[in-house]
Amino acid sequence: MAGGQIALKGEAIGKAIAIVEYLRASLDPGIDASFAEQLAELYQYMERRLLDANIQDDASALDEVQGLLRELSEGWSGIPDEYRS
C-alpha cells in the first residue's frame, strides 16, 4: 500500500479475500451450528474490512484482519490432535 502499486495491492487483497471466503465456505454447521455461524460472521466481517482496506487505502484494516487471522490460527493450533477431524 505504501509503495503506491495499486494493481499489486488489489491483487494481494483479492487473494486474501479469496482465502477468507474459502474458510467461510468450508465451515461445517453439522458439528456445531452456533459456532459455525459465529465464525461465518467473523469471516464476513474480515471480508468487509479487506474491501475497506482496498477502497480506502486503510492499512489499519489490513492489520486488524491479520491479527484476527493470527488469533484464529493460534486457537486452532492449540487444539489437541485427537480432537481434530
N, C-alpha and C. Protein backbone atom coordinates (compact mmCIF):
# COMPACT_ATOMS: atom_id res chain seq x y z
N MET A 1 0.81 -1.18 0.00
CA MET A 1 0.00 0.00 0.00
C MET A 1 0.86 1.26 0.00
N ALA A 2 1.90 1.23 0.83
CA ALA A 2 2.75 2.42 0.96
C ALA A 2 3.51 2.72 -0.33
N GLY A 3 3.76 1.70 -1.14
CA GLY A 3 4.50 1.89 -2.37
C GLY A 3 3.69 2.46 -3.50
N GLY A 4 2.39 2.56 -3.33
CA GLY A 4 1.53 3.12 -4.35
C GLY A 4 1.29 2.22 -5.55
N GLN A 5 1.58 0.95 -5.41
CA GLN A 5 1.36 0.00 -6.51
C GLN A 5 -0.07 -0.53 -6.41
N ILE A 6 -0.98 0.18 -7.01
CA ILE A 6 -2.41 -0.07 -6.88
C ILE A 6 -2.79 -1.46 -7.38
N ALA A 7 -2.26 -1.86 -8.53
CA ALA A 7 -2.61 -3.17 -9.08
C ALA A 7 -2.14 -4.30 -8.18
N LEU A 8 -0.92 -4.20 -7.67
CA LEU A 8 -0.41 -5.25 -6.77
C LEU A 8 -1.20 -5.29 -5.47
N LYS A 9 -1.55 -4.11 -4.97
CA LYS A 9 -2.35 -4.03 -3.74
C LYS A 9 -3.68 -4.73 -3.95
N GLY A 10 -4.35 -4.43 -5.06
CA GLY A 10 -5.64 -5.05 -5.35
C GLY A 10 -5.53 -6.56 -5.50
N GLU A 11 -4.46 -7.00 -6.14
CA GLU A 11 -4.24 -8.44 -6.32
C GLU A 11 -4.05 -9.13 -4.98
N ALA A 12 -3.20 -8.56 -4.14
CA ALA A 12 -2.91 -9.17 -2.84
C ALA A 12 -4.15 -9.20 -1.95
N ILE A 13 -4.89 -8.12 -1.93
CA ILE A 13 -6.11 -8.08 -1.11
C ILE A 13 -7.15 -9.04 -1.68
N GLY A 14 -7.22 -9.14 -3.00
CA GLY A 14 -8.13 -10.10 -3.63
C GLY A 14 -7.81 -11.53 -3.22
N LYS A 15 -6.54 -11.85 -3.16
CA LYS A 15 -6.13 -13.20 -2.72
C LYS A 15 -6.52 -13.43 -1.26
N ALA A 16 -6.32 -12.41 -0.43
CA ALA A 16 -6.69 -12.52 0.98
C ALA A 16 -8.19 -12.74 1.13
N ILE A 17 -8.98 -12.02 0.35
CA ILE A 17 -10.43 -12.19 0.39
C ILE A 17 -10.81 -13.60 -0.04
N ALA A 18 -10.17 -14.11 -1.08
CA ALA A 18 -10.45 -15.48 -1.55
C ALA A 18 -10.14 -16.50 -0.47
N ILE A 19 -9.07 -16.30 0.27
CA ILE A 19 -8.72 -17.23 1.35
C ILE A 19 -9.78 -17.20 2.45
N VAL A 20 -10.19 -16.01 2.84
CA VAL A 20 -11.21 -15.88 3.88
C VAL A 20 -12.54 -16.46 3.40
N GLU A 21 -12.89 -16.23 2.13
CA GLU A 21 -14.12 -16.82 1.58
C GLU A 21 -14.05 -18.35 1.62
N TYR A 22 -12.88 -18.91 1.32
CA TYR A 22 -12.72 -20.36 1.37
C TYR A 22 -12.91 -20.87 2.79
N LEU A 23 -12.33 -20.16 3.75
CA LEU A 23 -12.50 -20.56 5.16
C LEU A 23 -13.98 -20.57 5.53
N ARG A 24 -14.70 -19.52 5.10
CA ARG A 24 -16.13 -19.42 5.41
C ARG A 24 -16.90 -20.54 4.74
N ALA A 25 -16.59 -20.83 3.48
CA ALA A 25 -17.31 -21.87 2.73
C ALA A 25 -17.03 -23.26 3.27
N SER A 26 -15.90 -23.44 3.94
CA SER A 26 -15.55 -24.78 4.42
C SER A 26 -16.08 -25.07 5.83
N LEU A 27 -16.81 -24.13 6.41
CA LEU A 27 -17.38 -24.37 7.74
C LEU A 27 -18.41 -25.50 7.67
N ASP A 28 -18.42 -26.33 8.71
CA ASP A 28 -19.36 -27.45 8.79
C ASP A 28 -20.35 -27.19 9.92
N PRO A 29 -21.56 -26.70 9.59
CA PRO A 29 -22.54 -26.40 10.64
C PRO A 29 -23.07 -27.65 11.32
N GLY A 30 -22.81 -28.82 10.74
CA GLY A 30 -23.30 -30.06 11.33
C GLY A 30 -22.63 -30.41 12.64
N ILE A 31 -21.44 -29.90 12.85
CA ILE A 31 -20.71 -30.20 14.08
C ILE A 31 -21.21 -29.31 15.22
N ASP A 32 -21.25 -28.01 14.98
CA ASP A 32 -21.74 -27.05 15.98
C ASP A 32 -22.27 -25.85 15.21
N ALA A 33 -23.56 -25.83 14.95
CA ALA A 33 -24.16 -24.80 14.10
C ALA A 33 -23.93 -23.39 14.63
N SER A 34 -24.03 -23.21 15.92
CA SER A 34 -23.86 -21.89 16.52
C SER A 34 -22.42 -21.40 16.32
N PHE A 35 -21.47 -22.28 16.57
CA PHE A 35 -20.06 -21.92 16.40
C PHE A 35 -19.76 -21.60 14.94
N ALA A 36 -20.28 -22.43 14.04
CA ALA A 36 -20.06 -22.21 12.60
C ALA A 36 -20.66 -20.86 12.17
N GLU A 37 -21.82 -20.52 12.71
CA GLU A 37 -22.46 -19.25 12.37
C GLU A 37 -21.64 -18.07 12.87
N GLN A 38 -21.11 -18.19 14.09
CA GLN A 38 -20.28 -17.11 14.63
C GLN A 38 -19.00 -16.94 13.81
N LEU A 39 -18.38 -18.05 13.43
CA LEU A 39 -17.18 -17.96 12.60
C LEU A 39 -17.51 -17.37 11.23
N ALA A 40 -18.65 -17.76 10.66
CA ALA A 40 -19.06 -17.23 9.36
C ALA A 40 -19.22 -15.71 9.44
N GLU A 41 -19.81 -15.23 10.54
CA GLU A 41 -19.97 -13.79 10.72
C GLU A 41 -18.63 -13.10 10.86
N LEU A 42 -17.69 -13.73 11.57
CA LEU A 42 -16.35 -13.17 11.71
C LEU A 42 -15.65 -13.11 10.34
N TYR A 43 -15.77 -14.17 9.57
CA TYR A 43 -15.15 -14.19 8.24
C TYR A 43 -15.77 -13.12 7.33
N GLN A 44 -17.08 -12.95 7.41
CA GLN A 44 -17.73 -11.90 6.61
C GLN A 44 -17.24 -10.52 7.03
N TYR A 45 -17.06 -10.33 8.32
CA TYR A 45 -16.53 -9.06 8.82
C TYR A 45 -15.13 -8.83 8.24
N MET A 46 -14.30 -9.87 8.26
CA MET A 46 -12.95 -9.74 7.72
C MET A 46 -12.98 -9.39 6.23
N GLU A 47 -13.89 -10.01 5.50
CA GLU A 47 -14.01 -9.70 4.07
C GLU A 47 -14.37 -8.22 3.86
N ARG A 48 -15.29 -7.72 4.68
CA ARG A 48 -15.68 -6.29 4.57
C ARG A 48 -14.49 -5.39 4.89
N ARG A 49 -13.74 -5.75 5.91
CA ARG A 49 -12.58 -4.94 6.30
C ARG A 49 -11.51 -4.95 5.21
N LEU A 50 -11.34 -6.10 4.57
CA LEU A 50 -10.38 -6.17 3.47
C LEU A 50 -10.82 -5.30 2.30
N LEU A 51 -12.12 -5.31 2.01
CA LEU A 51 -12.65 -4.43 0.96
C LEU A 51 -12.44 -2.97 1.32
N ASP A 52 -12.70 -2.63 2.59
CA ASP A 52 -12.48 -1.27 3.06
C ASP A 52 -11.01 -0.89 2.88
N ALA A 53 -10.12 -1.81 3.25
CA ALA A 53 -8.69 -1.54 3.13
C ALA A 53 -8.32 -1.23 1.69
N ASN A 54 -8.90 -1.97 0.76
CA ASN A 54 -8.59 -1.79 -0.65
C ASN A 54 -9.14 -0.45 -1.16
N ILE A 55 -10.37 -0.18 -0.85
CA ILE A 55 -11.02 1.03 -1.37
C ILE A 55 -10.45 2.30 -0.73
N GLN A 56 -10.19 2.24 0.57
CA GLN A 56 -9.80 3.45 1.31
C GLN A 56 -8.30 3.52 1.61
N ASP A 57 -7.52 2.57 1.06
CA ASP A 57 -6.08 2.51 1.38
C ASP A 57 -5.86 2.55 2.89
N ASP A 58 -6.58 1.68 3.58
CA ASP A 58 -6.57 1.67 5.04
C ASP A 58 -5.70 0.52 5.54
N ALA A 59 -4.45 0.83 5.83
CA ALA A 59 -3.52 -0.19 6.31
C ALA A 59 -3.94 -0.75 7.66
N SER A 60 -4.62 0.05 8.47
CA SER A 60 -5.05 -0.44 9.79
C SER A 60 -6.08 -1.55 9.65
N ALA A 61 -6.89 -1.53 8.60
CA ALA A 61 -7.86 -2.60 8.36
C ALA A 61 -7.13 -3.89 8.02
N LEU A 62 -6.05 -3.78 7.24
CA LEU A 62 -5.25 -4.97 6.93
C LEU A 62 -4.63 -5.53 8.20
N ASP A 63 -4.11 -4.65 9.05
CA ASP A 63 -3.51 -5.09 10.31
C ASP A 63 -4.54 -5.77 11.19
N GLU A 64 -5.75 -5.22 11.21
CA GLU A 64 -6.82 -5.80 12.03
C GLU A 64 -7.14 -7.22 11.57
N VAL A 65 -7.31 -7.40 10.26
CA VAL A 65 -7.64 -8.73 9.73
C VAL A 65 -6.48 -9.70 9.97
N GLN A 66 -5.26 -9.23 9.78
CA GLN A 66 -4.11 -10.08 10.03
C GLN A 66 -4.09 -10.55 11.48
N GLY A 67 -4.38 -9.65 12.39
CA GLY A 67 -4.41 -10.01 13.81
C GLY A 67 -5.51 -11.02 14.12
N LEU A 68 -6.68 -10.84 13.52
CA LEU A 68 -7.78 -11.79 13.74
C LEU A 68 -7.43 -13.17 13.20
N LEU A 69 -6.83 -13.20 12.01
CA LEU A 69 -6.44 -14.48 11.42
C LEU A 69 -5.35 -15.16 12.25
N ARG A 70 -4.43 -14.37 12.75
CA ARG A 70 -3.36 -14.93 13.59
C ARG A 70 -3.95 -15.54 14.86
N GLU A 71 -4.90 -14.82 15.46
CA GLU A 71 -5.53 -15.31 16.68
C GLU A 71 -6.30 -16.61 16.42
N LEU A 72 -7.02 -16.67 15.31
CA LEU A 72 -7.73 -17.91 14.95
C LEU A 72 -6.75 -19.05 14.71
N SER A 73 -5.68 -18.77 14.02
CA SER A 73 -4.67 -19.79 13.73
C SER A 73 -4.07 -20.34 15.02
N GLU A 74 -3.76 -19.45 15.94
CA GLU A 74 -3.20 -19.88 17.22
C GLU A 74 -4.21 -20.73 17.99
N GLY A 75 -5.48 -20.36 17.92
CA GLY A 75 -6.52 -21.15 18.58
C GLY A 75 -6.64 -22.53 18.00
N TRP A 76 -6.65 -22.62 16.67
CA TRP A 76 -6.75 -23.93 16.02
C TRP A 76 -5.51 -24.77 16.32
N SER A 77 -4.34 -24.14 16.36
CA SER A 77 -3.11 -24.86 16.63
C SER A 77 -3.09 -25.42 18.04
N GLY A 78 -3.83 -24.79 18.94
CA GLY A 78 -3.88 -25.23 20.32
C GLY A 78 -4.81 -26.41 20.58
N ILE A 79 -5.57 -26.80 19.57
CA ILE A 79 -6.49 -27.93 19.73
C ILE A 79 -5.69 -29.23 19.64
N PRO A 80 -5.82 -30.11 20.62
CA PRO A 80 -5.08 -31.38 20.58
C PRO A 80 -5.46 -32.19 19.33
N ASP A 81 -4.50 -32.93 18.81
CA ASP A 81 -4.69 -33.71 17.59
C ASP A 81 -5.88 -34.66 17.66
N GLU A 82 -6.14 -35.22 18.81
CA GLU A 82 -7.24 -36.20 18.92
C GLU A 82 -8.62 -35.57 18.74
N TYR A 83 -8.71 -34.23 18.83
CA TYR A 83 -9.98 -33.55 18.66
C TYR A 83 -10.15 -32.94 17.27
N ARG A 84 -9.14 -33.09 16.45
CA ARG A 84 -9.21 -32.56 15.08
C ARG A 84 -9.80 -33.61 14.17
N SER A 85 -10.60 -33.13 13.20
CA SER A 85 -11.17 -34.11 12.26
C SER A 85 -10.57 -33.97 10.89
